Amino acid sequence: MRGEATRQLILSAAERLFAEHGISAVPLRDIGAEAGQRNHAAVQYHFGDREALVTAIMESRGSESELERADLVAGLMLGGVAPTVADVVSAFVRPLAIHIRPDNHYLAFLSLFITEEGGYEGLTNQGVHTGASVITLRALLARLVPDVPAAVLDERWWVTLTSAVHTLARYQAAQLKRAQPVKIDVLIDDLVVYLAAGLVAPTVPGDPRVVAAD
């Protein structure tokens, strides 16, 4: 139990420091000190290295969103009403918004991380599991938008996920600076409509991905 408590302290400290200073800018020993560990090698002992620590943060926080998202996806798949593209986007965005809490720095951390990795798809390249529900949403989207070539839809989907993270992180940062952003429920509703419109937008004439699909 003490070992697990120490892991949680380290995860919390790492998430906050990474969110404030960047993933690669924070020495592991500083994370251990912030977590109240006198042993300079405490982080390495519990997590091994920086990459494993980052993955642990992703999986810990991601599982919180996944629990809520799984229920939303089940409702889309089993409900009596045919889902829309906006429903798919909403099922991704809303479970992310649960992290907008004073003691939670996950969105700022995730925003920085996907920027460093060149987009949300970089997470999978790092071996981070994005969750079965996200995969299901992508498959459902393909059925709802059959006229958009798969390669184009893939890119638009990654842009959708990335934009959602950045927008929510920016909203939370505005809150911390005592700004007066729009209420979160209004922001989410507008974000869902905006991103859904992008997914079904007409393709660009001459796009080689469209030509290849034809």
C-alpha atoms as a PDB file:
ATOM      1  CA  MET A   1       0.000   0.000   0.000  1.00  0.00           C
ATOM      2  CA  ARG A   2       2.846   2.400   0.762  1.00  0.00           C
ATOM      3  CA  GLY A   3       4.392   1.632  -2.607  1.00  0.00           C
ATOM      4  CA  GLU A   4       1.157   2.422  -4.435  1.00  0.00           C
ATOM      5  CA  ALA A   5       0.701   5.625  -2.455  1.00  0.00           C
ATOM      6  CA  THR A   6       4.216   6.701  -3.423  1.00  0.00           C
ATOM      7  CA  ARG A   7       3.503   5.943  -7.086  1.00  0.00           C
ATOM      8  CA  GLN A   8       0.403   8.126  -6.962  1.00  0.00           C
ATOM      9  CA  LEU A   9       2.328  10.982  -5.355  1.00  0.00           C
ATOM     10  CA  ILE A  10       4.949  10.754  -8.087  1.00  0.00           C
ATOM     11  CA  LEU A  11       2.326  10.599 -10.848  1.00  0.00           C
ATOM     12  CA  SER A  12       0.566  13.665  -9.486  1.00  0.00           C
ATOM     13  CA  ALA A  13       3.805  15.638  -9.147  1.00  0.00           C
ATOM     14  CA  ALA A  14       4.997  14.614 -12.609  1.00  0.00           C
ATOM     15  CA  GLU A  15       1.717  15.535 -14.265  1.00  0.00           C
ATOM     16  CA  ARG A  16       1.776  19.024 -12.750  1.00  0.00           C
ATOM     17  CA  LEU A  17       5.452  19.718 -13.435  1.00  0.00           C
ATOM     18  CA  PHE A  18       5.230  18.381 -16.978  1.00  0.00           C
ATOM     19  CA  ALA A  19       2.147  20.532 -17.595  1.00  0.00           C
ATOM     20  CA  GLU A  20       3.895  23.640 -16.279  1.00  0.00           C
ATOM     21  CA  HIS A  21       7.367  23.225 -17.781  1.00  0.00           C
ATOM     22  CA  GLY A  22       7.191  20.665 -20.600  1.00  0.00           C
ATOM     23  CA  ILE A  23       7.725  16.933 -20.752  1.00  0.00           C
ATOM     24  CA  SER A  24      11.446  16.937 -21.458  1.00  0.00           C
ATOM     25  CA  ALA A  25      12.365  19.972 -19.348  1.00  0.00           C
ATOM     26  CA  VAL A  26      11.760  18.509 -15.890  1.00  0.00           C
ATOM     27  CA  PRO A  27      14.523  16.401 -14.269  1.00  0.00           C
ATOM     28  CA  LEU A  28      13.234  13.172 -12.762  1.00  0.00           C
ATOM     29  CA  ARG A  29      14.897  13.991  -9.464  1.00  0.00           C
ATOM     30  CA  ASP A  30      12.839  17.210  -9.277  1.00  0.00           C
ATOM     31  CA  ILE A  31       9.685  15.139  -9.670  1.00  0.00           C
ATOM     32  CA  GLY A  32      10.754  12.891  -6.814  1.00  0.00           C
ATOM     33  CA  ALA A  33      11.503  15.896  -4.608  1.00  0.00           C
ATOM     34  CA  GLU A  34       8.133  17.466  -5.446  1.00  0.00           C
ATOM     35  CA  ALA A  35       6.491  14.182  -4.454  1.00  0.00           C
ATOM     36  CA  GLY A  36       8.250  14.303  -1.084  1.00  0.00           C
ATOM     37  CA  GLN A  37      10.773  11.569  -1.828  1.00  0.00           C
ATOM     38  CA  ARG A  38      14.229  11.927  -0.295  1.00  0.00           C
ATOM     39  CA  ASN A  39      15.713   9.238  -2.519  1.00  0.00           C
ATOM     40  CA  HIS A  40      16.797  10.909  -5.763  1.00  0.00           C
ATOM     41  CA  ALA A  41      16.219   7.654  -7.625  1.00  0.00           C
ATOM     42  CA  ALA A  42      12.626   7.216  -6.407  1.00  0.00           C
ATOM     43  CA  VAL A  43      11.095   7.911  -9.827  1.00  0.00           C
ATOM     44  CA  GLN A  44      13.383   5.423 -11.566  1.00  0.00           C
ATOM     45  CA  TYR A  45      12.663   2.844  -8.870  1.00  0.00           C
ATOM     46  CA  HIS A  46       8.893   3.050  -9.330  1.00  0.00           C
ATOM     47  CA  PHE A  47       8.656   3.769 -13.068  1.00  0.00           C
ATOM     48  CA  GLY A  48      11.996   3.049 -14.687  1.00  0.00           C
ATOM     49  CA  ASP A  49      12.406   6.059 -16.979  1.00  0.00           C
ATOM     50  CA  ARG A  50      10.699   9.199 -18.273  1.00  0.00           C
ATOM     51  CA  GLU A  51       8.864   7.407 -21.078  1.00  0.00           C
ATOM     52  CA  ALA A  52       7.373   4.874 -18.685  1.00  0.00           C
ATOM     53  CA  LEU A  53       6.322   7.675 -16.332  1.00  0.00           C
ATOM     54  CA  VAL A  54       4.595   9.547 -19.167  1.00  0.00           C
ATOM     55  CA  THR A  55       2.820   6.362 -20.230  1.00  0.00           C
ATOM     56  CA  ALA A  56       1.661   5.760 -16.654  1.00  0.00           C
ATOM     57  CA  ILE A  57       0.143   9.241 -16.479  1.00  0.00           C
ATOM     58  CA  MET A  58      -1.609   8.712 -19.789  1.00  0.00           C
ATOM     59  CA  GLU A  59      -3.021   5.354 -18.772  1.00  0.00           C
ATOM     60  CA  SER A  60      -4.083   6.501 -15.312  1.00  0.00           C
ATOM     61  CA  ARG A  61      -5.946   9.593 -16.467  1.00  0.00           C
ATOM     62  CA  GLY A  62      -7.031   8.007 -19.724  1.00  0.00           C
ATOM     63  CA  SER A  63      -8.783   5.213 -17.846  1.00  0.00           C
ATOM     64  CA  GLU A  64     -10.956   7.811 -16.103  1.00  0.00           C
ATOM     65  CA  SER A  65     -12.159   9.134 -19.441  1.00  0.00           C
ATOM     66  CA  GLU A  66     -12.448   5.646 -20.889  1.00  0.00           C
ATOM     67  CA  LEU A  67     -14.940   4.556 -18.237  1.00  0.00           C
ATOM     68  CA  GLU A  68     -17.293   7.379 -19.104  1.00  0.00           C
ATOM     69  CA  ARG A  69     -16.670   7.142 -22.850  1.00  0.00           C
ATOM     70  CA  ALA A  70     -17.407   3.415 -22.901  1.00  0.00           C
ATOM     71  CA  ASP A  71     -20.914   4.105 -21.572  1.00  0.00           C
ATOM     72  CA  LEU A  72     -21.483   6.779 -24.214  1.00  0.00           C
ATOM     73  CA  VAL A  73     -20.281   4.491 -26.997  1.00  0.00           C
ATOM     74  CA  ALA A  74     -22.505   1.675 -25.785  1.00  0.00           C
ATOM     75  CA  GLY A  75     -25.451   4.051 -25.913  1.00  0.00           C
ATOM     76  CA  LEU A  76     -24.609   5.013 -29.488  1.00  0.00           C
ATOM     77  CA  MET A  77     -24.232   1.421 -30.624  1.00  0.00           C
ATOM     78  CA  LEU A  78     -27.233  -0.025 -28.814  1.00  0.00           C
ATOM     79  CA  GLY A  79     -29.651   2.910 -28.757  1.00  0.00           C
ATOM     80  CA  GLY A  80     -32.764   2.971 -30.840  1.00  0.00           C
ATOM     81  CA  VAL A  81     -31.811   6.170 -32.660  1.00  0.00           C
ATOM     82  CA  ALA A  82     -29.181   6.219 -35.397  1.00  0.00           C
ATOM     83  CA  PRO A  83     -26.101   8.153 -34.195  1.00  0.00           C
ATOM     84  CA  THR A  84     -24.817  11.246 -35.972  1.00  0.00           C
ATOM     85  CA  VAL A  85     -21.297  12.512 -36.605  1.00  0.00           C
ATOM     86  CA  ALA A  86     -21.869  15.054 -33.824  1.00  0.00           C
ATOM     87  CA  ASP A  87     -22.726  12.170 -31.470  1.00  0.00           C
ATOM     88  CA  VAL A  88     -19.400  10.515 -32.283  1.00  0.00           C
ATOM     89  CA  VAL A  89     -17.471  13.720 -31.631  1.00  0.00           C
ATOM     90  CA  SER A  90     -19.399  14.360 -28.439  1.00  0.00           C
ATOM     91  CA  ALA A  91     -18.573  10.890 -27.141  1.00  0.00           C
ATOM     92  CA  PHE A  92     -14.898  11.716 -27.466  1.00  0.00           C
ATOM     93  CA  VAL A  93     -14.963  15.300 -26.196  1.00  0.00           C
ATOM     94  CA  ARG A  94     -17.204  15.110 -23.148  1.00  0.00           C
ATOM     95  CA  PRO A  95     -15.215  12.440 -21.268  1.00  0.00           C
ATOM     96  CA  LEU A  96     -12.124  14.618 -21.732  1.00  0.00           C
ATOM     97  CA  ALA A  97     -13.844  17.529 -20.028  1.00  0.00           C
ATOM     98  CA  ILE A  98     -14.073  15.633 -16.718  1.00  0.00           C
ATOM     99  CA  HIS A  99     -10.417  16.569 -16.215  1.00  0.00           C
ATOM    100  CA  ILE A 100     -11.233  20.251 -15.882  1.00  0.00           C
ATOM    101  CA  ARG A 101     -10.750  20.272 -12.125  1.00  0.00           C
ATOM    102  CA  PRO A 102      -8.475  22.378  -9.897  1.00  0.00           C
ATOM    103  CA  ASP A 103      -6.327  19.414  -8.875  1.00  0.00           C
ATOM    104  CA  ASN A 104      -6.087  17.925 -12.351  1.00  0.00           C
ATOM    105  CA  HIS A 105      -3.373  18.971 -14.834  1.00  0.00           C
ATOM    106  CA  TYR A 106      -3.933  16.220 -17.364  1.00  0.00           C
ATOM    107  CA  LEU A 107      -5.291  18.362 -20.201  1.00  0.00           C
ATOM    108  CA  ALA A 108      -2.349  20.773 -20.095  1.00  0.00           C
ATOM    109  CA  PHE A 109       0.036  17.824 -19.907  1.00  0.00           C
ATOM    110  CA  LEU A 110      -1.677  16.044 -22.785  1.00  0.00           C
ATOM    111  CA  SER A 111      -1.763  19.194 -24.907  1.00  0.00           C
ATOM    112  CA  LEU A 112       1.994  19.634 -24.524  1.00  0.00           C
ATOM    113  CA  PHE A 113       2.685  15.968 -25.148  1.00  0.00           C
ATOM    114  CA  ILE A 114       0.715  15.662 -28.366  1.00  0.00           C
ATOM    115  CA  THR A 115       2.400  18.842 -29.604  1.00  0.00           C
ATOM    116  CA  GLU A 116       5.816  17.341 -28.946  1.00  0.00           C
ATOM    117  CA  GLU A 117       4.764  14.130 -30.678  1.00  0.00           C
ATOM    118  CA  GLY A 118       3.391  15.919 -33.738  1.00  0.00           C
ATOM    119  CA  GLY A 119      -0.275  15.228 -33.094  1.00  0.00           C
ATOM    120  CA  TYR A 120      -2.599  12.880 -31.259  1.00  0.00           C
ATOM    121  CA  GLU A 121      -1.536   9.975 -33.469  1.00  0.00           C
ATOM    122  CA  GLY A 122       1.911  10.292 -31.911  1.00  0.00           C
ATOM    123  CA  LEU A 123       0.505   8.726 -28.782  1.00  0.00           C
ATOM    124  CA  THR A 124      -0.029   5.416 -30.534  1.00  0.00           C
ATOM    125  CA  ASN A 125       3.471   5.663 -31.982  1.00  0.00           C
ATOM    126  CA  GLN A 126       4.725   5.891 -28.398  1.00  0.00           C
ATOM    127  CA  GLY A 127       2.859   2.711 -27.502  1.00  0.00           C
ATOM    128  CA  VAL A 128       0.125   4.514 -25.550  1.00  0.00           C
ATOM    129  CA  HIS A 129      -3.221   2.744 -25.801  1.00  0.00           C
ATOM    130  CA  THR A 130      -5.919   5.300 -26.619  1.00  0.00           C
ATOM    131  CA  GLY A 131      -8.775   3.054 -25.506  1.00  0.00           C
ATOM    132  CA  ALA A 132     -11.127   0.627 -27.215  1.00  0.00           C
ATOM    133  CA  SER A 133     -13.947   3.175 -27.233  1.00  0.00           C
ATOM    134  CA  VAL A 134     -11.918   5.630 -29.351  1.00  0.00           C
ATOM    135  CA  ILE A 135     -11.246   2.875 -31.873  1.00  0.00           C
ATOM    136  CA  THR A 136     -14.962   2.063 -31.945  1.00  0.00           C
ATOM    137  CA  LEU A 137     -15.829   5.718 -32.518  1.00  0.00           C
ATOM    138  CA  ARG A 138     -13.462   5.849 -35.488  1.00  0.00           C
ATOM    139  CA  ALA A 139     -15.055   2.741 -36.986  1.00  0.00           C
ATOM    140  CA  LEU A 140     -18.531   4.168 -36.467  1.00  0.00           C
ATOM    141  CA  LEU A 141     -17.463   7.429 -38.093  1.00  0.00           C
ATOM    142  CA  ALA A 142     -16.375   5.565 -41.230  1.00  0.00           C
ATOM    143  CA  ARG A 143     -19.880   4.120 -41.536  1.00  0.00           C
ATOM    144  CA  LEU A 144     -21.479   7.536 -41.093  1.00  0.00           C
ATOM    145  CA  VAL A 145     -19.246   9.327 -43.621  1.00  0.00           C
ATOM    146  CA  PRO A 146     -18.750   6.807 -46.442  1.00  0.00           C
ATOM    147  CA  ASP A 147     -18.151   9.498 -49.075  1.00  0.00           C
ATOM    148  CA  VAL A 148     -14.961  10.779 -47.415  1.00  0.00           C
ATOM    149  CA  PRO A 149     -11.938   8.647 -48.421  1.00  0.00           C
ATOM    150  CA  ALA A 150     -10.367   6.734 -45.564  1.00  0.00           C
ATOM    151  CA  ALA A 151      -7.046   8.569 -45.792  1.00  0.00           C
ATOM    152  CA  VAL A 152      -8.771  11.951 -45.591  1.00  0.00           C
ATOM    153  CA  LEU A 153     -11.042  10.822 -42.778  1.00  0.00           C
ATOM    154  CA  ASP A 154      -8.060   9.491 -40.838  1.00  0.00           C
ATOM    155  CA  GLU A 155      -6.357  12.886 -40.968  1.00  0.00           C
ATOM    156  CA  ARG A 156      -9.535  14.721 -40.045  1.00  0.00           C
ATOM    157  CA  TRP A 157     -10.092  12.346 -37.127  1.00  0.00           C
ATOM    158  CA  TRP A 158      -6.617  12.995 -35.721  1.00  0.00           C
ATOM    159  CA  VAL A 159      -7.192  16.740 -36.119  1.00  0.00           C
ATOM    160  CA  THR A 160     -10.489  16.362 -34.268  1.00  0.00           C
ATOM    161  CA  LEU A 161      -8.902  14.580 -31.310  1.00  0.00           C
ATOM    162  CA  THR A 162      -5.983  16.990 -31.148  1.00  0.00           C
ATOM    163  CA  SER A 163      -8.171  20.085 -31.431  1.00  0.00           C
ATOM    164  CA  ALA A 164     -10.436  18.860 -28.645  1.00  0.00           C
ATOM    165  CA  VAL A 165      -7.506  18.437 -26.272  1.00  0.00           C
ATOM    166  CA  HIS A 166      -5.970  21.816 -27.085  1.00  0.00           C
ATOM    167  CA  THR A 167      -9.290  23.639 -26.761  1.00  0.00           C
ATOM    168  CA  LEU A 168     -10.149  22.137 -23.386  1.00  0.00           C
ATOM    169  CA  ALA A 169      -6.617  22.739 -22.101  1.00  0.00           C
ATOM    170  CA  ARG A 170      -6.818  26.376 -23.193  1.00  0.00           C
ATOM    171  CA  TYR A 171     -10.184  26.744 -21.455  1.00  0.00           C
ATOM    172  CA  GLN A 172      -8.785  25.357 -18.214  1.00  0.00           C
ATOM    173  CA  ALA A 173      -5.753  27.656 -18.414  1.00  0.00           C
ATOM    174  CA  ALA A 174      -8.088  30.640 -18.836  1.00  0.00           C
ATOM    175  CA  GLN A 175      -9.952  29.566 -15.713  1.00  0.00           C
ATOM    176  CA  LEU A 176      -6.728  29.425 -13.704  1.00  0.00           C
ATOM    177  CA  LYS A 177      -5.894  32.981 -14.765  1.00  0.00           C
ATOM    178  CA  ARG A 178      -9.305  34.126 -13.540  1.00  0.00           C
ATOM    179  CA  ALA A 179     -10.458  34.976 -17.030  1.00  0.00           C
ATOM    180  CA  GLN A 180     -14.139  34.734 -17.781  1.00  0.00           C
ATOM    181  CA  PRO A 181     -14.495  32.152 -20.543  1.00  0.00           C
ATOM    182  CA  VAL A 182     -17.858  30.935 -21.729  1.00  0.00           C
ATOM    183  CA  LYS A 183     -19.465  28.283 -19.544  1.00  0.00           C
ATOM    184  CA  ILE A 184     -17.981  24.847 -20.146  1.00  0.00           C
ATOM    185  CA  ASP A 185     -21.231  23.265 -21.328  1.00  0.00           C
ATOM    186  CA  VAL A 186     -21.638  25.970 -23.968  1.00  0.00           C
ATOM    187  CA  LEU A 187     -18.006  25.585 -25.043  1.00  0.00           C
ATOM    188  CA  ILE A 188     -18.385  21.830 -25.427  1.00  0.00           C
ATOM    189  CA  ASP A 189     -21.608  22.098 -27.407  1.00  0.00           C
ATOM    190  CA  ASP A 190     -20.020  24.592 -29.807  1.00  0.00           C
ATOM    191  CA  LEU A 191     -16.815  22.575 -30.074  1.00  0.00           C
ATOM    192  CA  VAL A 192     -18.745  19.424 -30.978  1.00  0.00           C
ATOM    193  CA  VAL A 193     -20.703  21.209 -33.704  1.00  0.00           C
ATOM    194  CA  TYR A 194     -17.558  22.815 -35.095  1.00  0.00           C
ATOM    195  CA  LEU A 195     -15.497  19.618 -35.196  1.00  0.00           C
ATOM    196  CA  ALA A 196     -18.358  17.549 -36.613  1.00  0.00           C
ATOM    197  CA  ALA A 197     -18.706  20.036 -39.476  1.00  0.00           C
ATOM    198  CA  GLY A 198     -15.024  19.632 -40.285  1.00  0.00           C
ATOM    199  CA  LEU A 199     -15.298  15.863 -40.495  1.00  0.00           C
ATOM    200  CA  VAL A 200     -18.012  16.023 -43.150  1.00  0.00           C
ATOM    201  CA  ALA A 201     -16.650  19.029 -45.066  1.00  0.00           C
ATOM    202  CA  PRO A 202     -16.225  18.643 -48.842  1.00  0.00           C
ATOM    203  CA  THR A 203     -12.891  17.290 -49.969  1.00  0.00           C
ATOM    204  CA  VAL A 204     -10.413  19.554 -51.744  1.00  0.00           C
ATOM    205  CA  PRO A 205     -10.416  19.300 -55.555  1.00  0.00           C
ATOM    206  CA  GLY A 206      -7.264  17.577 -56.743  1.00  0.00           C
ATOM    207  CA  ASP A 207      -6.472  15.971 -53.385  1.00  0.00           C
ATOM    208  CA  PRO A 208      -4.427  12.892 -54.357  1.00  0.00           C
ATOM    209  CA  ARG A 209      -5.992  10.924 -51.516  1.00  0.00           C
ATOM    210  CA  VAL A 210      -9.395  11.415 -53.104  1.00  0.00           C
ATOM    211  CA  VAL A 211      -8.103  10.478 -56.544  1.00  0.00           C
ATOM    212  CA  ALA A 212      -6.473   7.325 -55.140  1.00  0.00           C
ATOM    213  CA  ALA A 213      -9.718   6.330 -53.440  1.00  0.00           C
ATOM    214  CA  ASP A 214     -11.609   6.718 -56.717  1.00  0.00           C
END
